[in-house]
């Protein structure tokens, strides 16, 4: 059950009713004040572009151009260290290799590895994939969590206690910590998931050790499956998903969180755990869960998925806040930067169609429904809102279906995102330490009025 749907506890009923209303009232700020003081809410400019707060060499998210200060939509591009991710994908898939480890190397060290370098890097990851002695029993099994992202964040913080030099922020030490985390994230997620299945879902506890020689995708599938089985196609598709989620510039919420916290000179584990917490949110990495829930709602509410008019009518209900979660949002559509297209969605859509054709007619029908949602949403939005808006599918629209076809449980969708993004976070942490130099400290203007102190005897009851 969703936490927002559960019954109130006795403590909440007894103590928090009036206090909740007071808390909302005292923390409400008039929206007109944001305009009056030219506040960049969400660090966004009035035209929707992001406020420029830093520079990065790591990732480039390109979705529009400014022509005489006017935002002009263009096809989206995602580049890792200047190399288009589409070219990276074509390169390793053409040569029938797994790509994630190479991408992690590229993000950390700035160039694609040669054969000797990738072999050496794989060896480092293999050497670090197992957890320290006692970690699984003491940090995961003794405190299982119903949410795998929560388990992951806590496990990352717990790594501090198993590190002989946790606070040193010299680059060699931070690099060692980051490589260990890149290697261990699949293990931490898999074991957190198995603990959740055992203690909350009452299933058998199955723990498989990571295997040297397997790719990151192969190892993860090996550790989450009771029989350790997976096909070559499953591993290939999961590896592709990891590559596409590995990095997305310094301005996305979790990477910016990572930069902000790193700028205080805190330890690696504190900064990475904070990024995990950010990614969990449904407005960020957790959006893939929201998309899956929305698609299930649409499939239940639309009798004929192939009828575009019926699909459009239901989308209109969602936009009018009459269906699904009443937020008015079509999850999986639109992006803060991409306009005409999200390159990750384009690549994953192609793979989703290929996979659906190989699986079943049911999956193909579901894929076609997603395609209809992608094509119809801009038209329905314009009709309902009376505003033309350039809007394309983002990667979350298709990632859920891909994971579903790989028989991956929903509670692992966002953790898979984290397994991938730890490479980008690591690169951003190193970049902030090397080139940042100043603690992130934006300004907040106080709009509260000055008041005198009132003694206890003078306060009204």
Protein backbone atom coordinates (compact mmCIF):
# COMPACT_ATOMS: atom_id res chain seq x y z
CA UNK A 1 0.00 0.00 0.00
CA UNK A 2 1.21 3.48 -0.82
CA UNK A 3 2.18 5.39 2.34
CA UNK A 4 -0.15 8.23 1.32
CA UNK A 5 -3.08 5.76 1.34
CA UNK A 6 -2.50 4.11 4.73
CA UNK A 7 -4.64 4.86 7.76
CA UNK A 8 -3.42 7.49 10.20
CA UNK A 9 -1.58 6.28 13.27
CA UNK A 10 -2.91 7.01 16.76
CA UNK A 11 -0.05 9.49 17.24
CA UNK A 12 -1.04 11.36 14.08
CA UNK A 13 -4.71 11.47 15.04
CA UNK A 14 -4.04 12.56 18.61
CA UNK A 15 -1.29 15.12 18.14
CA UNK A 16 -0.84 16.27 14.56
CA UNK A 17 -4.24 17.38 13.28
CA UNK A 18 -4.16 21.07 14.24
CA UNK A 19 -0.37 21.22 14.10
CA UNK A 20 -0.42 20.09 10.47
CA UNK A 21 -2.71 22.96 9.50
CA UNK A 22 -0.50 25.41 11.40
CA UNK A 23 2.64 24.03 9.73
CA UNK A 24 1.11 24.51 6.28
CA UNK A 25 -0.13 28.00 7.08
CA UNK A 26 3.16 29.23 8.55
CA UNK A 27 5.22 27.83 5.68
CA UNK A 28 3.15 29.20 2.83
CA UNK A 29 4.72 32.01 0.78
CA UNK A 30 2.65 34.14 -1.57
CA UNK A 31 3.45 33.22 -5.17
CA UNK A 32 3.53 36.92 -6.17
CA UNK A 33 6.62 37.42 -4.00
CA UNK A 34 8.64 35.07 -6.19
CA UNK A 35 7.90 37.32 -9.15
CA UNK A 36 8.49 40.51 -7.17
CA UNK A 37 11.99 39.45 -6.12
CA UNK A 38 12.82 37.68 -9.41
CA UNK A 39 13.38 34.34 -7.69
CA UNK A 40 14.53 31.55 -9.99
CA UNK A 41 12.25 28.85 -8.63
CA UNK A 42 13.74 25.42 -9.17
CA UNK A 43 16.85 27.23 -10.45
CA UNK A 44 14.91 27.82 -13.68
CA UNK A 45 14.75 31.00 -15.74
CA UNK A 46 11.38 32.37 -16.82
CA UNK A 47 11.70 30.65 -20.22
CA UNK A 48 12.27 27.25 -18.58
CA UNK A 49 16.00 27.10 -19.18
CA UNK A 50 18.26 26.25 -16.27
CA UNK A 51 20.15 28.89 -14.31
CA UNK A 52 23.85 28.52 -15.14
CA UNK A 53 25.59 27.62 -11.88
CA UNK A 54 28.61 25.62 -12.99
CA UNK A 55 30.79 24.16 -15.71
CA UNK A 56 31.43 20.50 -16.50
CA UNK A 57 33.51 18.39 -18.87
CA UNK A 58 31.60 15.20 -18.12
CA UNK A 59 28.16 15.23 -19.75
CA UNK A 60 26.37 17.47 -22.23
CA UNK A 61 22.57 17.45 -22.45
CA UNK A 62 21.53 19.34 -25.58
CA UNK A 63 17.85 19.95 -26.36
CA UNK A 64 17.49 23.49 -27.68
CA UNK A 65 19.42 26.48 -29.00
CA UNK A 66 19.03 30.15 -28.08
CA UNK A 67 18.49 32.36 -31.12
CA UNK A 68 18.52 36.04 -30.14
CA UNK A 69 17.46 35.00 -26.63
CA UNK A 70 14.60 32.88 -27.97
CA UNK A 71 14.54 29.17 -27.08
CA UNK A 72 14.46 27.14 -30.31
CA UNK A 73 13.69 23.36 -30.11
CA UNK A 74 16.12 20.92 -31.73
CA UNK A 75 16.60 17.16 -31.75
CA UNK A 76 18.16 16.03 -28.49
CA UNK A 77 21.75 14.88 -28.06
CA UNK A 78 23.48 13.36 -25.04
CA UNK A 79 27.26 13.34 -25.00
CA UNK A 80 29.61 11.64 -22.57
CA UNK A 81 32.95 13.50 -22.47
CA UNK A 82 32.04 15.00 -25.85
CA UNK A 83 31.14 11.70 -27.54
CA UNK A 84 27.53 11.23 -28.67
CA UNK A 85 25.93 8.40 -26.71
CA UNK A 86 24.30 7.13 -29.90
CA UNK A 87 27.76 6.60 -31.42
CA UNK A 88 28.96 4.91 -28.22
CA UNK A 89 26.01 2.48 -28.33
CA UNK A 90 26.48 1.71 -32.02
CA UNK A 91 30.18 1.12 -31.42
CA UNK A 92 30.05 -1.50 -28.67
CA UNK A 93 26.91 -3.19 -30.00
CA UNK A 94 28.42 -3.54 -33.48
CA UNK A 95 31.43 -5.26 -31.92
CA UNK A 96 29.11 -7.31 -29.67
CA UNK A 97 30.54 -6.09 -26.37
CA UNK A 98 28.94 -4.92 -23.16
CA UNK A 99 29.28 -1.16 -22.92
CA UNK A 100 28.68 -0.08 -19.34
CA UNK A 101 32.18 -0.68 -17.95
CA UNK A 102 33.70 1.22 -20.89
CA UNK A 103 31.31 4.11 -20.29
CA UNK A 104 32.20 4.18 -16.59
CA UNK A 105 35.89 4.36 -17.55
CA UNK A 106 35.15 7.13 -20.06
CA UNK A 107 33.27 9.19 -17.48
CA UNK A 108 35.94 8.78 -14.83
CA UNK A 109 39.05 9.24 -16.95
CA UNK A 110 37.89 11.28 -19.95
CA UNK A 111 38.64 8.92 -22.82
CA UNK A 112 37.49 5.56 -24.11
CA UNK A 113 39.75 2.74 -22.87
CA UNK A 114 41.89 0.66 -25.17
CA UNK A 115 41.87 -3.14 -24.87
CA UNK A 116 44.53 -3.23 -22.15
CA UNK A 117 42.90 -0.46 -20.12
CA UNK A 118 39.41 -2.00 -20.21
CA UNK A 119 40.80 -5.37 -19.15
CA UNK A 120 42.59 -3.72 -16.23
CA UNK A 121 39.46 -1.75 -15.27
CA UNK A 122 37.26 -4.85 -15.39
CA UNK A 123 39.76 -6.56 -13.12
CA UNK A 124 39.51 -3.71 -10.61
CA UNK A 125 35.71 -3.95 -10.61
CA UNK A 126 35.81 -7.73 -10.19
CA UNK A 127 38.13 -7.32 -7.21
CA UNK A 128 35.69 -4.93 -5.52
CA UNK A 129 32.25 -6.44 -6.20
CA UNK A 130 31.99 -8.50 -3.01
CA UNK A 131 30.98 -6.69 0.17
CA UNK A 132 33.30 -6.46 3.21
CA UNK A 133 33.13 -9.28 5.77
CA UNK A 134 30.08 -8.94 7.97
CA UNK A 135 28.49 -6.18 5.88
CA UNK A 136 25.57 -8.19 4.52
CA UNK A 137 24.61 -9.66 7.89
CA UNK A 138 25.05 -6.49 9.97
CA UNK A 139 24.00 -3.75 7.56
CA UNK A 140 21.46 -5.37 5.23
CA UNK A 141 19.88 -8.47 6.75
CA UNK A 142 19.56 -7.09 10.28
CA UNK A 143 17.83 -3.94 9.08
CA UNK A 144 15.86 -4.83 5.93
CA UNK A 145 13.87 -2.10 4.22
CA UNK A 146 10.62 -2.35 2.24
CA UNK A 147 12.18 0.11 -0.23
CA UNK A 148 15.37 -0.92 -2.03
CA UNK A 149 16.47 2.69 -2.63
CA UNK A 150 16.26 3.32 1.10
CA UNK A 151 18.33 0.19 1.70
CA UNK A 152 20.88 1.34 -0.87
CA UNK A 153 21.28 4.82 0.66
CA UNK A 154 21.75 3.35 4.11
CA UNK A 155 24.24 0.79 2.80
CA UNK A 156 26.27 3.51 1.10
CA UNK A 157 26.49 5.40 4.40
CA UNK A 158 27.44 2.17 6.17
CA UNK A 159 30.40 1.74 3.80
CA UNK A 160 32.00 4.60 5.74
CA UNK A 161 32.39 2.31 8.76
CA UNK A 162 34.21 -0.31 6.67
CA UNK A 163 36.68 2.16 5.12
CA UNK A 164 40.08 2.61 6.78
CA UNK A 165 40.40 6.12 5.35
CA UNK A 166 36.83 7.41 4.86
CA UNK A 167 37.27 11.18 5.22
CA UNK A 168 40.32 11.80 3.04
CA UNK A 169 39.35 13.73 -0.11
CA UNK A 170 42.65 13.42 -1.95
CA UNK A 171 41.85 12.32 -5.47
CA UNK A 172 43.61 8.93 -5.26
CA UNK A 173 41.55 8.02 -2.19
CA UNK A 174 38.27 9.34 -3.65
CA UNK A 175 38.94 7.47 -6.89
CA UNK A 176 39.47 4.27 -4.92
CA UNK A 177 36.19 4.83 -3.06
CA UNK A 178 34.29 5.58 -6.27
CA UNK A 179 35.58 2.49 -8.08
CA UNK A 180 34.58 0.37 -5.09
CA UNK A 181 31.09 1.89 -5.13
CA UNK A 182 30.67 1.44 -8.90
CA UNK A 183 31.58 -2.23 -8.41
CA UNK A 184 29.45 -2.75 -5.30
CA UNK A 185 26.24 -0.95 -6.24
CA UNK A 186 24.78 -4.00 -8.08
CA UNK A 187 25.62 -6.18 -5.06
CA UNK A 188 24.14 -3.69 -2.56
CA UNK A 189 20.94 -3.41 -4.60
CA UNK A 190 20.62 -7.16 -5.20
CA UNK A 191 21.12 -8.03 -1.53
CA UNK A 192 18.81 -5.23 -0.38
CA UNK A 193 16.17 -6.60 -2.76
CA UNK A 194 16.64 -10.18 -1.55
CA UNK A 195 16.33 -9.03 2.07
CA UNK A 196 13.12 -7.18 1.18
CA UNK A 197 11.70 -10.27 -0.54
CA UNK A 198 12.53 -12.46 2.45
CA UNK A 199 11.45 -10.29 5.35
CA UNK A 200 8.53 -8.41 3.77
CA UNK A 201 7.29 -10.72 1.01
CA UNK A 202 7.96 -13.95 2.98
CA UNK A 203 9.98 -15.54 0.18
CA UNK A 204 13.07 -17.71 0.51
CA UNK A 205 16.30 -15.81 1.09
CA UNK A 206 18.55 -16.30 -1.93
CA UNK A 207 22.05 -14.82 -1.90
CA UNK A 208 24.41 -15.29 -4.85
CA UNK A 209 27.94 -13.95 -4.75
CA UNK A 210 29.01 -11.76 -7.69
CA UNK A 211 31.04 -13.68 -10.24
CA UNK A 212 34.37 -12.49 -11.70
CA UNK A 213 34.33 -12.19 -15.48
CA UNK A 214 30.66 -11.23 -15.73
CA UNK A 215 29.63 -7.77 -16.89
CA UNK A 216 27.76 -5.41 -14.57
CA UNK A 217 24.43 -6.34 -16.21
CA UNK A 218 25.19 -10.07 -16.12
CA UNK A 219 26.23 -9.96 -12.47
CA UNK A 220 23.08 -8.09 -11.48
CA UNK A 221 20.78 -10.56 -13.25
CA UNK A 222 22.76 -13.43 -11.71
CA UNK A 223 22.30 -12.02 -8.19
CA UNK A 224 18.56 -11.18 -8.36
CA UNK A 225 17.40 -14.43 -9.97
CA UNK A 226 16.92 -17.43 -7.65
CA UNK A 227 18.35 -19.76 -10.30
CA UNK A 228 20.93 -17.19 -11.56
CA UNK A 229 19.64 -17.69 -15.10
CA UNK A 230 19.49 -15.03 -17.81
CA UNK A 231 19.69 -14.93 -21.57
CA UNK A 232 22.26 -13.12 -23.67
CA UNK A 233 19.52 -10.80 -24.95
CA UNK A 234 18.41 -9.92 -21.41
CA UNK A 235 21.96 -9.03 -20.41
CA UNK A 236 22.47 -7.03 -23.62
CA UNK A 237 19.30 -4.97 -23.13
CA UNK A 238 20.00 -4.30 -19.45
CA UNK A 239 23.54 -3.23 -20.33
CA UNK A 240 22.09 -0.78 -22.87
CA UNK A 241 19.79 0.67 -20.19
CA UNK A 242 22.78 1.11 -17.86
CA UNK A 243 24.73 2.94 -20.57
CA UNK A 244 21.84 5.31 -21.30
CA UNK A 245 21.34 6.22 -17.63
CA UNK A 246 25.00 6.55 -16.65
CA UNK A 247 25.28 10.35 -16.89
CA UNK A 248 23.08 13.35 -17.65
CA UNK A 249 25.04 16.54 -17.05
CA UNK A 250 25.66 18.42 -13.83
CA UNK A 251 22.27 20.10 -13.60
CA UNK A 252 19.99 17.12 -12.98
CA UNK A 253 18.77 17.00 -9.39
CA UNK A 254 20.92 14.15 -8.09
CA UNK A 255 24.15 15.31 -9.77
CA UNK A 256 23.58 18.87 -8.59
CA UNK A 257 22.92 17.51 -5.10
CA UNK A 258 26.20 15.61 -5.39
CA UNK A 259 28.05 18.79 -6.43
CA UNK A 260 26.49 20.86 -3.64
CA UNK A 261 27.31 18.36 -0.91
CA UNK A 262 30.78 17.60 -2.24
CA UNK A 263 31.52 21.34 -2.18
CA UNK A 264 31.34 21.23 1.64
CA UNK A 265 34.36 18.84 1.60
CA UNK A 266 32.36 16.04 3.20
CA UNK A 267 33.16 12.35 2.64
CA UNK A 268 32.34 10.35 -0.47
CA UNK A 269 29.73 8.16 1.21
CA UNK A 270 27.72 11.11 2.53
CA UNK A 271 27.64 12.79 -0.88
CA UNK A 272 26.73 9.63 -2.82
CA UNK A 273 24.02 8.66 -0.31
CA UNK A 274 22.47 12.12 -0.74
CA UNK A 275 22.45 11.63 -4.52
CA UNK A 276 20.68 8.28 -4.03
CA UNK A 277 18.06 10.03 -1.91
CA UNK A 278 17.51 12.59 -4.66
CA UNK A 279 17.22 9.94 -7.36
CA UNK A 280 14.53 8.10 -5.39
CA UNK A 281 12.06 10.98 -5.82
CA UNK A 282 9.20 10.53 -8.32
CA UNK A 283 10.13 13.81 -10.01
CA UNK A 284 13.58 12.37 -10.77
CA UNK A 285 14.65 8.71 -11.02
CA UNK A 286 11.48 7.46 -9.36
CA UNK A 287 9.52 8.71 -12.36
CA UNK A 288 9.89 5.28 -14.00
CA UNK A 289 7.66 3.84 -11.25
CA UNK A 290 5.12 6.61 -11.81
CA UNK A 291 5.08 5.89 -15.54
CA UNK A 292 4.48 2.18 -14.94
CA UNK A 293 1.61 2.93 -12.55
CA UNK A 294 0.09 5.40 -15.05
CA UNK A 295 0.34 2.91 -17.92
CA UNK A 296 -1.43 0.26 -15.83
CA UNK A 297 -4.16 2.80 -15.07
CA UNK A 298 -4.55 3.65 -18.77
CA UNK A 299 -4.64 -0.03 -19.74
CA UNK A 300 -7.41 -0.60 -17.21
CA UNK A 301 -9.34 2.53 -18.20
CA UNK A 302 -9.13 2.17 -21.99
CA UNK A 303 -11.04 -0.79 -23.45
CA UNK A 304 -9.47 -0.70 -26.91
CA UNK A 305 -5.78 0.26 -26.75
CA UNK A 306 -5.66 0.51 -30.54
CA UNK A 307 -8.43 3.13 -30.64
CA UNK A 308 -6.58 6.47 -30.72
CA UNK A 309 -9.74 8.43 -29.92
CA UNK A 310 -10.35 6.39 -26.78
CA UNK A 311 -6.70 6.73 -25.72
CA UNK A 312 -6.80 10.48 -26.36
CA UNK A 313 -9.99 10.85 -24.31
CA UNK A 314 -8.36 9.15 -21.35
CA UNK A 315 -5.21 11.26 -21.67
CA UNK A 316 -7.44 14.33 -21.59
CA UNK A 317 -8.95 13.08 -18.32
CA UNK A 318 -5.48 12.73 -16.82
CA UNK A 319 -4.51 16.25 -17.93
CA UNK A 320 -7.77 17.61 -16.50
CA UNK A 321 -6.90 15.89 -13.18
CA UNK A 322 -9.88 13.57 -13.49
CA UNK A 323 -7.93 10.30 -13.72
CA UNK A 324 -4.88 8.47 -12.37
CA UNK A 325 -3.22 10.47 -9.54
CA UNK A 326 -5.07 13.75 -10.27
CA UNK A 327 -1.76 15.59 -10.75
CA UNK A 328 -2.56 16.58 -14.34
CA UNK A 329 0.77 15.12 -15.49
CA UNK A 330 1.40 12.60 -18.26
CA UNK A 331 4.43 10.87 -16.80
CA UNK A 332 7.11 9.92 -19.30
CA UNK A 333 6.32 12.93 -21.49
CA UNK A 334 8.35 16.15 -21.55
CA UNK A 335 11.75 17.03 -20.15
CA UNK A 336 13.47 20.03 -18.59
CA UNK A 337 16.04 20.23 -21.40
CA UNK A 338 15.04 17.99 -24.32
CA UNK A 339 12.40 19.40 -26.65
CA UNK A 340 11.96 17.59 -29.98
CA UNK A 341 13.41 14.30 -28.73
CA UNK A 342 15.18 12.59 -25.87
CA UNK A 343 17.98 10.52 -27.48
CA UNK A 344 17.79 7.95 -24.68
CA UNK A 345 14.08 7.43 -25.36
CA UNK A 346 14.73 7.11 -29.10
CA UNK A 347 17.33 4.38 -28.57
CA UNK A 348 15.33 2.55 -25.89
CA UNK A 349 12.13 2.75 -27.95
CA UNK A 350 13.87 0.92 -30.80
CA UNK A 351 15.09 -1.78 -28.43
CA UNK A 352 11.68 -2.03 -26.73
CA UNK A 353 9.98 -2.62 -30.09
CA UNK A 354 12.55 -5.25 -31.05
CA UNK A 355 12.15 -6.99 -27.71
CA UNK A 356 8.33 -6.83 -27.80
CA UNK A 357 8.24 -8.44 -31.25
CA UNK A 358 10.39 -11.29 -29.97
CA UNK A 359 8.32 -11.79 -26.81
CA UNK A 360 4.56 -11.80 -27.45
CA UNK A 361 1.57 -10.09 -29.04
CA UNK A 362 0.58 -8.78 -25.60
CA UNK A 363 3.87 -6.93 -25.20
CA UNK A 364 3.61 -5.63 -28.76
CA UNK A 365 0.16 -4.24 -27.98
CA UNK A 366 1.54 -2.54 -24.89
CA UNK A 367 4.40 -1.07 -26.91
CA UNK A 368 1.93 0.29 -29.47
CA UNK A 369 -0.06 1.88 -26.63
CA UNK A 370 3.08 3.66 -25.41
CA UNK A 371 3.75 4.85 -28.93
CA UNK A 372 0.21 6.23 -29.13
CA UNK A 373 0.67 8.04 -25.81
CA UNK A 374 3.91 9.55 -27.14
CA UNK A 375 2.28 10.79 -30.36
CA UNK A 376 -1.09 11.87 -28.93
CA UNK A 377 -0.05 13.68 -25.73
CA UNK A 378 1.14 16.95 -27.37
CA UNK A 379 -2.11 17.21 -29.37
CA UNK A 380 -4.31 16.41 -26.37
CA UNK A 381 -2.38 18.81 -24.16
CA UNK A 382 -2.84 21.61 -26.69
CA UNK A 383 -6.57 20.87 -26.97
CA UNK A 384 -7.17 20.74 -23.20
CA UNK A 385 -4.87 23.59 -22.18
CA UNK A 386 -5.25 25.75 -25.27
CA UNK A 387 -1.47 26.07 -25.45
CA UNK A 388 0.86 24.61 -28.07
CA UNK A 389 3.85 22.98 -26.35
CA UNK A 390 6.75 21.09 -27.86
CA UNK A 391 6.78 17.82 -25.97
CA UNK A 392 8.51 14.51 -26.59
CA UNK A 393 8.78 11.22 -24.74
CA UNK A 394 11.53 10.94 -22.16
CA UNK A 395 13.46 7.80 -21.31
CA UNK A 396 11.04 6.81 -18.53
CA UNK A 397 8.18 6.18 -20.95
CA UNK A 398 9.88 3.08 -22.36
CA UNK A 399 12.26 1.94 -19.61
CA UNK A 400 9.48 0.38 -17.53
CA UNK A 401 8.23 -1.74 -20.42
CA UNK A 402 11.80 -2.86 -21.17
CA UNK A 403 12.33 -3.93 -17.56
CA UNK A 404 8.93 -5.61 -17.52
CA UNK A 405 9.87 -7.66 -20.59
CA UNK A 406 13.13 -8.59 -18.85
CA UNK A 407 11.04 -9.89 -15.94
CA UNK A 408 12.63 -7.41 -13.54
CA UNK A 409 10.43 -6.50 -10.52
CA UNK A 410 9.15 -2.92 -10.31
CA UNK A 411 10.90 -2.27 -7.00
CA UNK A 412 14.22 -2.57 -8.88
CA UNK A 413 13.46 -0.04 -11.66
CA UNK A 414 14.84 3.00 -9.81
CA UNK A 415 17.70 1.07 -8.13
CA UNK A 416 18.85 0.02 -11.62
CA UNK A 417 18.99 3.74 -12.44
CA UNK A 418 21.28 4.19 -9.40
CA UNK A 419 23.49 1.24 -10.41
CA UNK A 420 24.03 3.06 -13.68
CA UNK A 421 24.29 6.65 -12.44
CA UNK A 422 26.94 5.93 -9.78
CA UNK A 423 29.49 6.23 -12.62
CA UNK A 424 28.34 9.75 -13.49
CA UNK A 425 28.08 10.76 -9.83
CA UNK A 426 31.62 9.57 -9.21
CA UNK A 427 32.93 11.62 -12.12
CA UNK A 428 31.08 14.72 -10.89
CA UNK A 429 32.42 14.29 -7.35
CA UNK A 430 35.99 14.20 -8.62
CA UNK A 431 35.34 17.19 -10.90
CA UNK A 432 33.89 19.22 -8.02
CA UNK A 433 36.88 18.45 -5.78
CA UNK A 434 39.38 19.32 -8.52
CA UNK A 435 37.66 22.36 -10.03
CA UNK A 436 34.90 23.52 -7.69
CA UNK A 437 36.76 25.32 -4.94
CA UNK A 438 33.82 27.11 -3.29
CA UNK A 439 30.98 25.77 -1.19
CA UNK A 440 27.63 26.01 -2.98
CA UNK A 441 25.71 28.76 -1.18
CA UNK A 442 22.81 30.31 -3.13
CA UNK A 443 20.77 33.09 -1.52
CA UNK A 444 17.29 32.93 -0.01
CA UNK A 445 15.57 36.24 0.69
CA UNK A 446 13.65 36.40 3.94
CA UNK A 447 10.11 37.72 3.50
CA UNK A 448 9.09 37.40 7.14
CA UNK A 449 8.28 40.60 9.04
CA UNK A 450 10.21 41.54 12.16
CA UNK A 451 8.38 40.87 15.43
CA UNK A 452 9.20 41.43 19.07
CA UNK A 453 9.85 38.57 21.47
CA UNK A 454 6.82 37.82 23.70
CA UNK A 455 7.30 36.33 27.16
CA UNK A 456 5.56 33.08 28.05
CA UNK A 457 3.10 34.85 30.35
CA UNK A 458 2.03 37.25 27.57
CA UNK A 459 1.42 34.60 24.90
CA UNK A 460 -2.19 33.78 24.09
CA UNK A 461 -3.36 30.23 24.70
